[in-house]
Amino acid sequence: NKKITLCCSEKELEGDIPEARYGHSMNIVHSRGKSAVVIFGGRSFLPLNQRTTEKWNCVVDCQPLVYLVDLQFGCSSSYLVPELQDGISFHAALAKDDTVYILGGHTIENNLRARNIYKIKVDLPLGSPKVTCTVLQGGISFSSTIVTQTNQDEFIIIGGYESDSQKRLNCNRVCLSDESINIQEFESPEWTGEIKHSKTWFGGDMGHGAVLLGVPSDNKHQSAEANFYFYLLNLGQDEDLMLQTCSQESLEEQEDSMPLEDSEEFTFDNIY
């Protein structure tokens, strides 16, 4: 068993600093032997000087700027791209080499989940970076999906919402080549009744084509502590499509574990 240690270091940014936001995307691109972080989209709260009692907790779409962050030197630059007219949040962002593809997402101003695909290409020469964007057709409409990568050029999009009140139960395979993107329908798992009838769901990518999904439980038939159903969906090519129930256990109930306040762990069998 390999032990993996994650280290976090803080670096002061200079230049165009992105405002605090959520529902945005962050991807790493590589060009000419250099790399940069691409930040796009998201929502933010109204500035303090624009808030009123009625609008104190209102959120707005962030400006459709593309931010490039050089983590080595701590520099951040923003780029206004003509093809990006509206702010987008809760979209999917897929990166390959020097390109980021923006799919789906939701815009507050017009309550729209557009089908456009935005192909953002980043060039990192010795001088100033160059950011270009091409609008592609043939996308899919969604928001708040989960994206997992199954190999170097293939991604699976699962879950999310088709509208404010309608979950998206189908899946898509996205294949990226050097200059193109191909989206296909992908076999969906046999969803459980809890997933089908739940109004909301959430989850995240666990790597290697595995996705963790969670839905609120019906407390009429569950104890007060059993608040969620959790499932592990394996979408890897080397495994059969499988939706597996996961158990939720409190660390405080384990005799050989140090009790940690408000900490929980999930137990899986045969993840990979």
Protein backbone atom coordinates (compact mmCIF):
# COMPACT_ATOMS: atom_id res chain seq x y z
CA ASN A 1 0.00 0.00 0.00
CA LYS A 2 1.37 3.36 -1.04
CA LYS A 3 1.09 6.30 1.32
CA ILE A 4 0.16 9.54 -0.42
CA THR A 5 0.86 12.86 1.26
CA LEU A 6 -0.74 16.07 0.01
CA CYS A 7 1.10 19.31 0.70
CA CYS A 8 -0.41 22.77 0.35
CA SER A 9 1.66 25.91 -0.14
CA GLU A 10 0.40 29.49 -0.27
CA LYS A 11 1.56 31.95 -2.91
CA GLU A 12 0.71 35.63 -3.23
CA LEU A 13 -0.79 36.45 -6.62
CA GLU A 14 -0.06 39.65 -8.50
CA GLY A 15 -1.90 41.18 -11.43
CA ASP A 16 -5.58 40.58 -12.19
CA ILE A 17 -6.87 38.68 -9.15
CA PRO A 18 -10.09 36.67 -9.69
CA GLU A 19 -12.86 37.68 -7.31
CA ALA A 20 -14.18 35.17 -4.79
CA ARG A 21 -16.55 32.78 -6.56
CA TYR A 22 -18.09 29.33 -6.68
CA GLY A 23 -19.41 27.12 -9.48
CA HIS A 24 -16.35 27.94 -11.61
CA SER A 25 -13.79 25.70 -13.30
CA MET A 26 -10.01 25.40 -12.95
CA ASN A 27 -7.88 23.49 -15.46
CA ILE A 28 -4.18 23.19 -16.20
CA VAL A 29 -3.00 23.72 -19.78
CA HIS A 30 0.43 23.01 -21.27
CA SER A 31 2.01 24.98 -24.11
CA ARG A 32 5.61 25.32 -25.34
CA GLY A 33 6.98 23.53 -22.29
CA LYS A 34 5.14 25.79 -19.85
CA SER A 35 1.91 25.41 -17.92
CA ALA A 36 -0.80 27.68 -16.53
CA VAL A 37 -4.07 27.42 -14.66
CA VAL A 38 -7.20 28.49 -16.54
CA ILE A 39 -10.02 29.85 -14.35
CA PHE A 40 -13.39 30.55 -15.91
CA GLY A 41 -16.99 31.24 -14.92
CA GLY A 42 -18.71 30.96 -11.59
CA ARG A 43 -20.95 33.08 -9.41
CA SER A 44 -20.25 35.63 -6.71
CA PHE A 45 -22.22 37.63 -4.19
CA LEU A 46 -23.14 41.20 -5.00
CA PRO A 47 -20.44 43.68 -3.94
CA LEU A 48 -21.07 45.17 -0.52
CA ASN A 49 -21.73 48.63 -1.96
CA GLN A 50 -24.54 47.20 -4.13
CA ARG A 51 -26.33 45.16 -1.49
CA THR A 52 -29.64 46.10 0.06
CA THR A 53 -31.67 44.36 2.73
CA GLU A 54 -33.71 42.57 0.07
CA LYS A 55 -30.66 41.65 -2.03
CA TRP A 56 -28.15 40.91 0.72
CA ASN A 57 -27.64 37.28 -0.29
CA CYS A 58 -28.16 37.70 -4.04
CA VAL A 59 -25.59 36.17 -6.38
CA VAL A 60 -24.69 37.14 -9.93
CA ASP A 61 -22.76 35.56 -12.76
CA CYS A 62 -19.10 36.51 -12.77
CA GLN A 63 -17.88 38.44 -15.78
CA PRO A 64 -17.01 36.11 -18.71
CA LEU A 65 -13.28 36.65 -18.31
CA VAL A 66 -10.65 33.97 -18.79
CA TYR A 67 -7.96 34.08 -16.09
CA LEU A 68 -4.50 32.63 -16.61
CA VAL A 69 -2.50 31.98 -13.45
CA ASP A 70 1.23 31.25 -13.53
CA LEU A 71 1.80 29.31 -10.31
CA GLN A 72 5.58 29.42 -10.68
CA PHE A 73 5.82 33.21 -10.60
CA GLY A 74 2.49 34.01 -8.94
CA CYS A 75 1.15 36.10 -11.83
CA SER A 76 -2.52 36.31 -12.83
CA SER A 77 -3.88 37.87 -16.03
CA SER A 78 -7.45 38.27 -17.27
CA TYR A 79 -8.58 38.10 -20.90
CA LEU A 80 -11.81 39.36 -22.42
CA VAL A 81 -12.69 37.05 -25.30
CA PRO A 82 -15.38 38.32 -27.73
CA GLU A 83 -16.95 34.88 -28.16
CA LEU A 84 -17.73 34.67 -24.43
CA GLN A 85 -20.64 37.05 -23.91
CA ASP A 86 -22.37 35.63 -20.82
CA GLY A 87 -21.20 34.43 -17.47
CA ILE A 88 -21.53 30.67 -16.97
CA SER A 89 -21.46 28.59 -13.81
CA PHE A 90 -21.71 24.91 -12.89
CA HIS A 91 -20.39 23.93 -16.31
CA ALA A 92 -18.04 21.13 -17.33
CA ALA A 93 -14.47 21.97 -18.35
CA LEU A 94 -12.30 19.38 -20.11
CA ALA A 95 -8.62 20.06 -20.72
CA LYS A 96 -6.21 18.53 -23.22
CA ASP A 97 -2.74 19.98 -23.81
CA ASP A 98 -3.22 23.70 -24.56
CA THR A 99 -7.02 23.63 -24.90
CA VAL A 100 -9.98 23.76 -22.52
CA TYR A 101 -13.48 22.83 -23.70
CA ILE A 102 -16.36 24.47 -21.81
CA LEU A 103 -19.64 22.53 -22.00
CA GLY A 104 -23.08 23.20 -20.56
CA GLY A 105 -23.50 25.36 -17.50
CA HIS A 106 -26.17 27.75 -16.29
CA THR A 107 -26.58 31.51 -16.70
CA ILE A 108 -28.56 33.34 -14.02
CA GLU A 109 -29.46 36.37 -16.11
CA ASN A 110 -31.54 34.44 -18.66
CA ASN A 111 -31.96 31.14 -16.77
CA LEU A 112 -30.41 29.31 -19.72
CA ARG A 113 -28.47 26.07 -20.05
CA ALA A 114 -26.87 26.60 -23.43
CA ARG A 115 -25.73 23.88 -25.85
CA ASN A 116 -22.69 25.77 -27.14
CA ILE A 117 -19.20 24.37 -26.71
CA TYR A 118 -16.47 26.94 -26.12
CA LYS A 119 -13.01 25.85 -27.22
CA ILE A 120 -10.48 28.00 -25.36
CA LYS A 121 -6.95 27.69 -26.71
CA VAL A 122 -3.97 29.06 -24.77
CA ASP A 123 -0.58 29.88 -26.28
CA LEU A 124 2.30 30.45 -23.84
CA PRO A 125 5.22 31.95 -25.79
CA LEU A 126 8.18 33.75 -24.21
CA GLY A 127 6.23 37.00 -24.31
CA SER A 128 2.60 37.67 -23.44
CA PRO A 129 0.19 34.71 -23.46
CA LYS A 130 -2.50 34.53 -26.13
CA VAL A 131 -6.04 33.29 -25.50
CA THR A 132 -8.45 32.51 -28.34
CA CYS A 133 -11.94 31.01 -28.33
CA THR A 134 -13.98 29.15 -30.93
CA VAL A 135 -17.70 28.46 -30.54
CA LEU A 136 -18.68 24.93 -31.57
CA GLN A 137 -22.14 23.47 -32.11
CA GLY A 138 -23.48 20.07 -31.12
CA GLY A 139 -23.17 20.41 -27.36
CA ILE A 140 -25.51 19.20 -24.64
CA SER A 141 -27.58 21.19 -22.17
CA PHE A 142 -26.91 20.59 -18.47
CA SER A 143 -25.59 22.05 -15.24
CA SER A 144 -23.84 20.67 -12.14
CA THR A 145 -22.70 17.43 -13.76
CA ILE A 146 -19.85 15.20 -12.63
CA VAL A 147 -16.94 14.59 -15.00
CA THR A 148 -14.58 11.66 -14.66
CA GLN A 149 -11.63 10.85 -16.90
CA THR A 150 -11.31 7.23 -18.04
CA ASN A 151 -8.16 7.62 -20.15
CA GLN A 152 -5.97 10.36 -21.60
CA ASP A 153 -8.47 11.46 -24.23
CA GLU A 154 -11.81 10.24 -22.88
CA PHE A 155 -14.19 11.67 -20.28
CA ILE A 156 -17.59 10.58 -18.98
CA ILE A 157 -20.24 13.17 -18.07
CA ILE A 158 -22.83 11.95 -15.60
CA GLY A 159 -25.60 13.41 -13.48
CA GLY A 160 -26.49 17.04 -13.11
CA TYR A 161 -29.70 18.81 -14.04
CA GLU A 162 -31.62 19.49 -17.26
CA SER A 163 -33.66 22.22 -15.55
CA ASP A 164 -34.16 23.62 -12.07
CA SER A 165 -36.53 20.77 -11.22
CA GLN A 166 -35.38 17.93 -13.50
CA LYS A 167 -32.38 15.70 -12.86
CA ARG A 168 -30.30 14.48 -15.80
CA LEU A 169 -30.24 10.68 -15.66
CA ASN A 170 -28.37 9.97 -18.90
CA CYS A 171 -24.61 9.82 -19.44
CA ASN A 172 -22.29 10.94 -22.24
CA ARG A 173 -18.84 9.92 -23.40
CA VAL A 174 -16.63 12.78 -24.62
CA CYS A 175 -13.57 12.03 -26.73
CA LEU A 176 -10.96 14.72 -27.37
CA SER A 177 -8.53 14.68 -30.27
CA ASP A 178 -5.90 17.24 -31.21
CA GLU A 179 -8.41 19.58 -32.84
CA SER A 180 -11.90 18.21 -32.23
CA ILE A 181 -14.39 17.02 -29.64
CA ASN A 182 -16.86 14.16 -30.06
CA ILE A 183 -19.86 13.64 -27.76
CA GLN A 184 -21.78 10.36 -27.72
CA GLU A 185 -24.52 8.79 -25.64
CA PHE A 186 -23.17 6.43 -23.00
CA GLU A 187 -24.97 3.52 -21.36
CA SER A 188 -26.57 4.65 -18.12
CA PRO A 189 -26.62 2.38 -15.07
CA GLU A 190 -29.79 0.91 -13.66
CA TRP A 191 -30.63 3.71 -11.25
CA THR A 192 -32.08 2.77 -7.88
CA GLY A 193 -35.50 3.98 -6.80
CA GLU A 194 -33.92 6.39 -4.32
CA ILE A 195 -31.96 8.07 -7.10
CA LYS A 196 -34.88 8.17 -9.55
CA HIS A 197 -37.31 9.74 -7.10
CA SER A 198 -34.94 12.12 -5.34
CA LYS A 199 -35.27 15.77 -6.36
CA THR A 200 -31.60 16.49 -5.70
CA TRP A 201 -28.33 14.62 -5.91
CA PHE A 202 -24.65 15.42 -5.65
CA GLY A 203 -21.28 13.75 -5.91
CA GLY A 204 -17.76 13.96 -7.21
CA ASP A 205 -15.05 12.31 -9.27
CA MET A 206 -12.95 9.70 -7.43
CA GLY A 207 -10.55 9.10 -10.32
CA HIS A 208 -10.01 6.13 -12.64
CA GLY A 209 -13.59 6.38 -13.92
CA ALA A 210 -15.18 6.06 -10.46
CA VAL A 211 -17.85 8.50 -9.29
CA LEU A 212 -19.38 8.94 -5.83
CA LEU A 213 -23.09 9.85 -5.83
CA GLY A 214 -25.24 10.90 -2.90
CA VAL A 215 -28.98 11.49 -2.50
CA PRO A 216 -30.99 12.50 0.59
CA SER A 217 -32.73 9.58 2.27
CA ASP A 218 -36.38 9.32 3.22
CA ASN A 219 -36.26 9.70 6.99
CA LYS A 220 -39.70 8.14 7.33
CA HIS A 221 -38.07 4.74 7.02
CA GLN A 222 -34.57 5.54 8.27
CA SER A 223 -33.03 6.49 11.58
CA ALA A 224 -32.32 10.14 12.23
CA GLU A 225 -28.60 9.62 11.61
CA ALA A 226 -29.04 7.98 8.18
CA ASN A 227 -29.44 11.17 6.18
CA PHE A 228 -28.07 10.08 2.80
CA TYR A 229 -27.73 7.16 0.43
CA PHE A 230 -24.28 6.92 -1.16
CA TYR A 231 -23.38 5.00 -4.30
CA LEU A 232 -20.16 4.25 -6.13
CA LEU A 233 -20.50 4.18 -9.91
CA ASN A 234 -17.64 2.53 -11.78
CA LEU A 235 -17.35 3.78 -15.36
CA GLY A 236 -13.85 2.54 -16.15
CA GLN A 237 -13.33 0.63 -19.38
CA ASP A 238 -11.72 -2.29 -17.57
CA GLU A 239 -14.74 -2.85 -15.36
CA ASP A 240 -18.37 -3.69 -15.95
CA LEU A 241 -20.76 -0.79 -15.44
CA MET A 242 -21.63 -1.05 -11.76
CA LEU A 243 -23.65 0.97 -9.27
CA GLN A 244 -22.58 -0.05 -5.78
CA THR A 245 -24.07 0.97 -2.44
CA CYS A 246 -21.62 2.42 0.07
CA SER A 247 -21.88 2.38 3.85
CA GLN A 248 -21.43 5.46 6.00
CA GLU A 249 -19.81 5.01 9.39
CA SER A 250 -18.79 7.48 12.06
CA LEU A 251 -15.17 7.43 13.13
CA GLU A 252 -16.30 7.74 16.73
CA GLU A 253 -17.83 4.26 16.50
CA GLN A 254 -14.52 2.63 15.63
CA GLU A 255 -12.51 1.55 18.66
CA ASP A 256 -9.16 1.66 16.87
CA SER A 257 -9.63 5.18 15.49
CA MET A 258 -9.01 8.51 17.15
CA PRO A 259 -12.33 10.33 17.65
CA LEU A 260 -12.46 13.39 15.40
CA GLU A 261 -15.26 15.90 15.80
CA ASP A 262 -17.67 16.07 12.84
CA SER A 263 -15.56 13.56 10.88
CA GLU A 264 -16.91 10.65 8.90
CA GLU A 265 -15.50 8.08 6.53
CA PHE A 266 -17.00 5.98 3.78
CA THR A 267 -16.34 2.26 3.46
CA PHE A 268 -16.14 0.71 -0.02
CA ASP A 269 -15.63 -2.85 -1.16
CA ASN A 270 -13.87 -3.61 -4.45
CA ILE A 271 -13.68 -0.03 -5.72
CA TYR A 272 -11.27 -0.89 -8.53
